[in-house]
N, C-alpha and C. Protein backbone atom coordinates (compact mmCIF):
# COMPACT_ATOMS: atom_id res chain seq x y z
N MET A 1 -145.05 -5.16 55.43
CA MET A 1 -145.99 -6.15 54.91
C MET A 1 -147.27 -5.45 54.51
N LYS A 2 -147.76 -5.75 53.34
CA LYS A 2 -149.01 -5.17 52.87
C LYS A 2 -150.20 -5.94 53.42
N PHE A 3 -151.23 -5.18 53.80
CA PHE A 3 -152.45 -5.78 54.31
C PHE A 3 -153.01 -6.80 53.33
N SER A 4 -153.12 -6.44 52.07
CA SER A 4 -153.75 -7.33 51.09
C SER A 4 -153.00 -8.66 50.97
N ARG A 5 -151.69 -8.62 51.09
CA ARG A 5 -150.91 -9.85 50.99
C ARG A 5 -151.16 -10.77 52.18
N VAL A 6 -151.05 -10.23 53.39
CA VAL A 6 -151.23 -11.08 54.57
C VAL A 6 -152.68 -11.55 54.67
N PHE A 7 -153.63 -10.73 54.24
CA PHE A 7 -155.04 -11.13 54.23
C PHE A 7 -155.24 -12.30 53.26
N LYS A 8 -154.71 -12.17 52.06
CA LYS A 8 -154.86 -13.20 51.03
C LYS A 8 -154.21 -14.52 51.48
N GLU A 9 -153.03 -14.43 52.06
CA GLU A 9 -152.33 -15.64 52.52
C GLU A 9 -153.06 -16.28 53.70
N THR A 10 -153.52 -15.49 54.64
CA THR A 10 -154.17 -16.01 55.83
C THR A 10 -155.55 -16.57 55.51
N LYS A 11 -156.15 -16.10 54.46
CA LYS A 11 -157.44 -16.63 54.01
C LYS A 11 -157.35 -18.15 53.79
N LEU A 12 -156.18 -18.63 53.40
CA LEU A 12 -155.98 -20.06 53.14
C LEU A 12 -156.10 -20.90 54.42
N LEU A 13 -155.97 -20.28 55.58
CA LEU A 13 -156.03 -20.99 56.85
C LEU A 13 -157.46 -21.18 57.36
N TRP A 14 -158.40 -20.54 56.71
CA TRP A 14 -159.80 -20.55 57.14
C TRP A 14 -160.68 -21.29 56.14
N PRO A 15 -161.76 -21.93 56.61
CA PRO A 15 -162.72 -22.51 55.66
C PRO A 15 -163.50 -21.40 54.97
N LYS A 16 -164.01 -21.70 53.80
CA LYS A 16 -164.79 -20.71 53.05
C LYS A 16 -166.16 -20.47 53.67
N GLU A 17 -166.65 -21.46 54.41
CA GLU A 17 -167.96 -21.36 55.03
C GLU A 17 -167.90 -21.98 56.42
N ILE A 18 -168.58 -21.35 57.37
CA ILE A 18 -168.60 -21.86 58.74
C ILE A 18 -170.05 -21.90 59.23
N PHE A 19 -170.41 -23.01 59.85
CA PHE A 19 -171.73 -23.18 60.46
C PHE A 19 -171.76 -22.40 61.78
N VAL A 20 -172.77 -21.55 61.93
CA VAL A 20 -172.90 -20.77 63.17
C VAL A 20 -174.25 -21.02 63.84
N GLY A 21 -175.01 -21.98 63.31
CA GLY A 21 -176.32 -22.29 63.86
C GLY A 21 -176.27 -22.84 65.27
N ASP A 22 -175.08 -23.26 65.71
CA ASP A 22 -174.92 -23.76 67.08
C ASP A 22 -174.62 -22.64 68.07
N GLY A 23 -174.63 -21.41 67.59
CA GLY A 23 -174.27 -20.27 68.43
C GLY A 23 -175.45 -19.72 69.20
N GLU A 24 -175.12 -18.82 70.10
CA GLU A 24 -176.16 -18.10 70.86
C GLU A 24 -175.72 -16.66 71.02
N LEU A 25 -176.67 -15.77 70.86
CA LEU A 25 -176.40 -14.35 71.02
C LEU A 25 -176.41 -14.01 72.50
N ARG A 26 -175.59 -13.06 72.87
CA ARG A 26 -175.48 -12.62 74.26
C ARG A 26 -175.90 -11.16 74.37
N ASP A 27 -176.21 -10.75 75.57
CA ASP A 27 -176.54 -9.35 75.82
C ASP A 27 -175.35 -8.48 75.44
N GLY A 28 -175.63 -7.31 74.92
CA GLY A 28 -174.57 -6.39 74.55
C GLY A 28 -174.10 -6.56 73.12
N GLY A 29 -174.76 -7.40 72.36
CA GLY A 29 -174.43 -7.55 70.95
C GLY A 29 -173.42 -8.63 70.62
N GLY A 30 -172.94 -9.35 71.60
CA GLY A 30 -171.97 -10.41 71.35
C GLY A 30 -172.64 -11.75 71.14
N GLY A 31 -171.83 -12.78 71.11
CA GLY A 31 -172.35 -14.11 70.95
C GLY A 31 -171.26 -15.14 71.16
N TYR A 32 -171.68 -16.38 71.32
CA TYR A 32 -170.74 -17.50 71.45
C TYR A 32 -171.08 -18.51 70.37
N PHE A 33 -170.06 -18.95 69.63
CA PHE A 33 -170.24 -19.84 68.49
C PHE A 33 -169.20 -20.96 68.58
N PRO A 34 -169.59 -22.13 69.08
CA PRO A 34 -168.63 -23.22 69.27
C PRO A 34 -167.89 -23.65 68.00
N THR A 35 -168.59 -23.79 66.89
CA THR A 35 -167.92 -24.22 65.66
C THR A 35 -166.96 -23.15 65.17
N LEU A 36 -167.36 -21.91 65.23
CA LEU A 36 -166.48 -20.81 64.84
C LEU A 36 -165.24 -20.78 65.72
N SER A 37 -165.42 -20.97 67.01
CA SER A 37 -164.27 -20.99 67.93
C SER A 37 -163.31 -22.13 67.60
N LYS A 38 -163.86 -23.28 67.23
CA LYS A 38 -163.02 -24.41 66.85
C LYS A 38 -162.22 -24.09 65.58
N LYS A 39 -162.86 -23.47 64.61
CA LYS A 39 -162.17 -23.10 63.36
C LYS A 39 -161.10 -22.05 63.64
N TRP A 40 -161.34 -21.17 64.58
CA TRP A 40 -160.35 -20.17 64.98
C TRP A 40 -159.14 -20.86 65.59
N ASP A 41 -159.38 -21.82 66.50
CA ASP A 41 -158.27 -22.57 67.10
C ASP A 41 -157.44 -23.28 66.03
N GLU A 42 -158.11 -23.87 65.05
CA GLU A 42 -157.40 -24.58 63.97
C GLU A 42 -156.57 -23.61 63.13
N ALA A 43 -157.14 -22.46 62.81
CA ALA A 43 -156.41 -21.46 62.02
C ALA A 43 -155.22 -20.93 62.81
N GLU A 44 -155.39 -20.70 64.11
CA GLU A 44 -154.28 -20.25 64.96
C GLU A 44 -153.14 -21.26 64.97
N ALA A 45 -153.48 -22.52 65.08
CA ALA A 45 -152.46 -23.57 65.10
C ALA A 45 -151.67 -23.60 63.80
N ARG A 46 -152.35 -23.42 62.69
CA ARG A 46 -151.67 -23.40 61.39
C ARG A 46 -150.80 -22.15 61.25
N ALA A 47 -151.28 -21.03 61.76
CA ALA A 47 -150.56 -19.76 61.62
C ALA A 47 -149.27 -19.73 62.43
N GLU A 48 -149.19 -20.54 63.48
CA GLU A 48 -147.98 -20.58 64.30
C GLU A 48 -146.76 -20.96 63.47
N LYS A 49 -146.98 -21.70 62.40
CA LYS A 49 -145.88 -22.13 61.53
C LYS A 49 -145.53 -21.06 60.50
N TRP A 50 -146.29 -20.00 60.44
CA TRP A 50 -146.07 -18.96 59.45
C TRP A 50 -145.34 -17.78 60.08
N SER A 51 -146.06 -16.74 60.45
CA SER A 51 -145.40 -15.55 61.00
C SER A 51 -146.33 -14.82 61.96
N GLU A 52 -145.77 -13.83 62.66
CA GLU A 52 -146.59 -13.00 63.54
C GLU A 52 -147.66 -12.25 62.76
N TRP A 53 -147.34 -11.86 61.54
CA TRP A 53 -148.30 -11.18 60.67
C TRP A 53 -149.54 -12.05 60.49
N HIS A 54 -149.30 -13.33 60.18
CA HIS A 54 -150.40 -14.25 59.93
C HIS A 54 -151.17 -14.56 61.22
N GLN A 55 -150.47 -14.62 62.33
CA GLN A 55 -151.13 -14.86 63.61
C GLN A 55 -152.07 -13.71 63.95
N LEU A 56 -151.58 -12.49 63.74
CA LEU A 56 -152.41 -11.32 63.99
C LEU A 56 -153.60 -11.28 63.03
N MET A 57 -153.37 -11.67 61.79
CA MET A 57 -154.46 -11.67 60.81
C MET A 57 -155.50 -12.73 61.14
N VAL A 58 -155.09 -13.88 61.67
CA VAL A 58 -156.05 -14.90 62.09
C VAL A 58 -157.01 -14.30 63.12
N TRP A 59 -156.45 -13.59 64.10
CA TRP A 59 -157.28 -12.95 65.12
C TRP A 59 -158.23 -11.93 64.49
N SER A 60 -157.72 -11.14 63.57
CA SER A 60 -158.52 -10.09 62.93
C SER A 60 -159.64 -10.69 62.09
N ILE A 61 -159.34 -11.75 61.36
CA ILE A 61 -160.36 -12.42 60.55
C ILE A 61 -161.40 -13.07 61.46
N PHE A 62 -160.96 -13.63 62.58
CA PHE A 62 -161.91 -14.17 63.55
C PHE A 62 -162.91 -13.08 63.96
N GLY A 63 -162.40 -11.89 64.19
CA GLY A 63 -163.29 -10.77 64.54
C GLY A 63 -164.31 -10.50 63.45
N GLY A 64 -163.87 -10.55 62.19
CA GLY A 64 -164.78 -10.36 61.07
C GLY A 64 -165.81 -11.47 60.98
N TYR A 65 -165.37 -12.70 61.15
CA TYR A 65 -166.29 -13.84 61.15
C TYR A 65 -167.28 -13.74 62.31
N HIS A 66 -166.79 -13.36 63.49
CA HIS A 66 -167.65 -13.27 64.67
C HIS A 66 -168.73 -12.22 64.46
N ARG A 67 -168.34 -11.10 63.91
CA ARG A 67 -169.31 -10.04 63.64
C ARG A 67 -170.38 -10.55 62.68
N LEU A 68 -169.94 -11.23 61.61
CA LEU A 68 -170.89 -11.82 60.66
C LEU A 68 -171.80 -12.84 61.32
N ALA A 69 -171.21 -13.66 62.19
CA ALA A 69 -171.98 -14.71 62.86
C ALA A 69 -173.10 -14.10 63.70
N CYS A 70 -172.81 -13.04 64.41
CA CYS A 70 -173.83 -12.37 65.22
C CYS A 70 -174.95 -11.83 64.33
N GLU A 71 -174.57 -11.19 63.23
CA GLU A 71 -175.56 -10.64 62.30
C GLU A 71 -176.38 -11.77 61.67
N ALA A 72 -175.71 -12.84 61.26
CA ALA A 72 -176.40 -13.95 60.60
C ALA A 72 -177.39 -14.62 61.54
N LEU A 73 -176.95 -14.90 62.76
CA LEU A 73 -177.83 -15.58 63.71
C LEU A 73 -179.04 -14.72 64.05
N ALA A 74 -178.84 -13.42 64.15
CA ALA A 74 -179.95 -12.51 64.43
C ALA A 74 -180.99 -12.54 63.30
N LYS A 75 -180.55 -12.85 62.09
CA LYS A 75 -181.44 -12.92 60.93
C LYS A 75 -181.96 -14.33 60.67
N GLY A 76 -181.50 -15.29 61.46
CA GLY A 76 -181.95 -16.66 61.29
C GLY A 76 -181.09 -17.50 60.36
N ALA A 77 -179.99 -16.97 59.88
CA ALA A 77 -179.09 -17.73 59.00
C ALA A 77 -178.19 -18.63 59.85
N GLU A 78 -177.75 -19.73 59.25
CA GLU A 78 -176.94 -20.68 60.00
C GLU A 78 -175.51 -20.81 59.51
N THR A 79 -175.16 -20.12 58.45
CA THR A 79 -173.79 -20.18 57.94
C THR A 79 -173.31 -18.78 57.59
N VAL A 80 -171.99 -18.62 57.64
CA VAL A 80 -171.34 -17.39 57.18
C VAL A 80 -170.25 -17.80 56.20
N HIS A 81 -169.97 -16.93 55.25
CA HIS A 81 -169.00 -17.20 54.20
C HIS A 81 -167.85 -16.20 54.28
N PHE A 82 -166.66 -16.68 54.03
CA PHE A 82 -165.47 -15.83 54.12
C PHE A 82 -165.63 -14.57 53.27
N ASP A 83 -166.18 -14.72 52.08
CA ASP A 83 -166.30 -13.58 51.17
C ASP A 83 -167.26 -12.50 51.66
N GLN A 84 -168.02 -12.80 52.72
CA GLN A 84 -168.93 -11.81 53.30
C GLN A 84 -168.23 -10.90 54.30
N ILE A 85 -167.04 -11.29 54.72
CA ILE A 85 -166.32 -10.51 55.73
C ILE A 85 -165.91 -9.15 55.14
N SER A 86 -166.11 -8.12 55.91
CA SER A 86 -165.69 -6.78 55.49
C SER A 86 -164.18 -6.63 55.66
N LYS A 87 -163.48 -6.43 54.55
CA LYS A 87 -162.02 -6.23 54.63
C LYS A 87 -161.69 -4.99 55.43
N ARG A 88 -162.51 -3.98 55.33
CA ARG A 88 -162.27 -2.74 56.08
C ARG A 88 -162.37 -2.99 57.59
N TYR A 89 -163.33 -3.80 57.99
CA TYR A 89 -163.47 -4.14 59.40
C TYR A 89 -162.25 -4.93 59.87
N VAL A 90 -161.83 -5.92 59.07
CA VAL A 90 -160.67 -6.73 59.41
C VAL A 90 -159.41 -5.85 59.48
N GLU A 91 -159.27 -4.94 58.53
CA GLU A 91 -158.09 -4.06 58.53
C GLU A 91 -158.08 -3.20 59.79
N LYS A 92 -159.24 -2.71 60.19
CA LYS A 92 -159.30 -1.88 61.41
C LYS A 92 -158.89 -2.69 62.63
N LYS A 93 -159.40 -3.91 62.76
CA LYS A 93 -159.01 -4.77 63.89
C LYS A 93 -157.52 -5.06 63.83
N PHE A 94 -157.00 -5.33 62.63
CA PHE A 94 -155.59 -5.63 62.44
C PHE A 94 -154.74 -4.45 62.89
N ARG A 95 -155.06 -3.27 62.37
CA ARG A 95 -154.32 -2.05 62.69
C ARG A 95 -154.42 -1.69 64.17
N ASP A 96 -155.63 -1.77 64.72
CA ASP A 96 -155.83 -1.45 66.13
C ASP A 96 -154.97 -2.34 67.02
N ASN A 97 -154.90 -3.62 66.71
CA ASN A 97 -154.10 -4.55 67.51
C ASN A 97 -152.61 -4.35 67.27
N LEU A 98 -152.23 -4.12 66.04
CA LEU A 98 -150.82 -3.91 65.72
C LEU A 98 -150.26 -2.69 66.45
N PHE A 99 -151.04 -1.63 66.50
CA PHE A 99 -150.57 -0.38 67.09
C PHE A 99 -150.97 -0.20 68.56
N SER A 100 -151.57 -1.21 69.15
CA SER A 100 -151.93 -1.17 70.56
C SER A 100 -150.65 -1.28 71.41
N ASN A 101 -150.55 -0.45 72.40
CA ASN A 101 -149.37 -0.50 73.28
C ASN A 101 -149.31 -1.80 74.07
N SER A 102 -150.46 -2.38 74.34
CA SER A 102 -150.49 -3.59 75.17
C SER A 102 -150.29 -4.88 74.36
N ALA A 103 -150.36 -4.81 73.04
CA ALA A 103 -150.27 -6.02 72.22
C ALA A 103 -148.83 -6.54 72.10
N GLY A 104 -147.87 -5.67 72.23
CA GLY A 104 -146.48 -6.12 72.24
C GLY A 104 -145.82 -6.30 70.89
N TYR A 105 -146.42 -5.77 69.83
CA TYR A 105 -145.77 -5.85 68.52
C TYR A 105 -144.69 -4.78 68.44
N GLY A 106 -143.56 -5.13 67.91
CA GLY A 106 -142.42 -4.23 67.88
C GLY A 106 -142.54 -3.08 66.90
N ARG A 107 -141.69 -2.10 67.13
CA ARG A 107 -141.67 -0.91 66.27
C ARG A 107 -141.36 -1.28 64.82
N GLN A 108 -140.47 -2.24 64.63
CA GLN A 108 -140.10 -2.66 63.27
C GLN A 108 -141.32 -3.22 62.53
N MET A 109 -142.12 -4.00 63.21
CA MET A 109 -143.31 -4.56 62.59
C MET A 109 -144.32 -3.47 62.27
N ARG A 110 -144.49 -2.52 63.19
CA ARG A 110 -145.43 -1.42 62.95
C ARG A 110 -144.97 -0.56 61.78
N ARG A 111 -143.67 -0.31 61.67
CA ARG A 111 -143.17 0.49 60.56
C ARG A 111 -143.27 -0.21 59.22
N ALA A 112 -143.24 -1.54 59.24
CA ALA A 112 -143.29 -2.31 57.99
C ALA A 112 -144.71 -2.48 57.45
N TYR A 113 -145.69 -2.10 58.25
CA TYR A 113 -147.09 -2.30 57.83
C TYR A 113 -147.51 -1.29 56.77
N VAL A 114 -148.19 -1.79 55.73
CA VAL A 114 -148.72 -0.93 54.67
C VAL A 114 -150.19 -1.27 54.48
N ASN A 115 -151.05 -0.28 54.72
CA ASN A 115 -152.48 -0.45 54.46
C ASN A 115 -152.72 -0.11 52.99
N ASP A 116 -152.90 -1.13 52.16
CA ASP A 116 -153.06 -0.91 50.73
C ASP A 116 -154.50 -1.14 50.26
N LEU A 117 -155.46 -0.98 51.16
CA LEU A 117 -156.87 -1.09 50.76
C LEU A 117 -157.28 0.10 49.92
């Protein structure tokens, strides 16, 4: 499976814009964002009907959105947009999770992955 394909398909499971003004930054550079978490739950539920590729990409895109949300809130912004997400960051999260020994993705899935960025 090509990264660009699963990214493009999984993009359909997410809203183009998410409100993060209800979030709070935490020590260590993290944060909690209730609306973003709700949108993640919704995207996960939709991805269950698709494939493991899409489920993993939902998690990876959440990471990209979360990173944006932390940056946006620190600057005083209240929304983040899908098009602001770094594809390279998402690809790294995707690859790191796919090839993690603890994640449980099979050898066949790892061999089928193509990073076409």
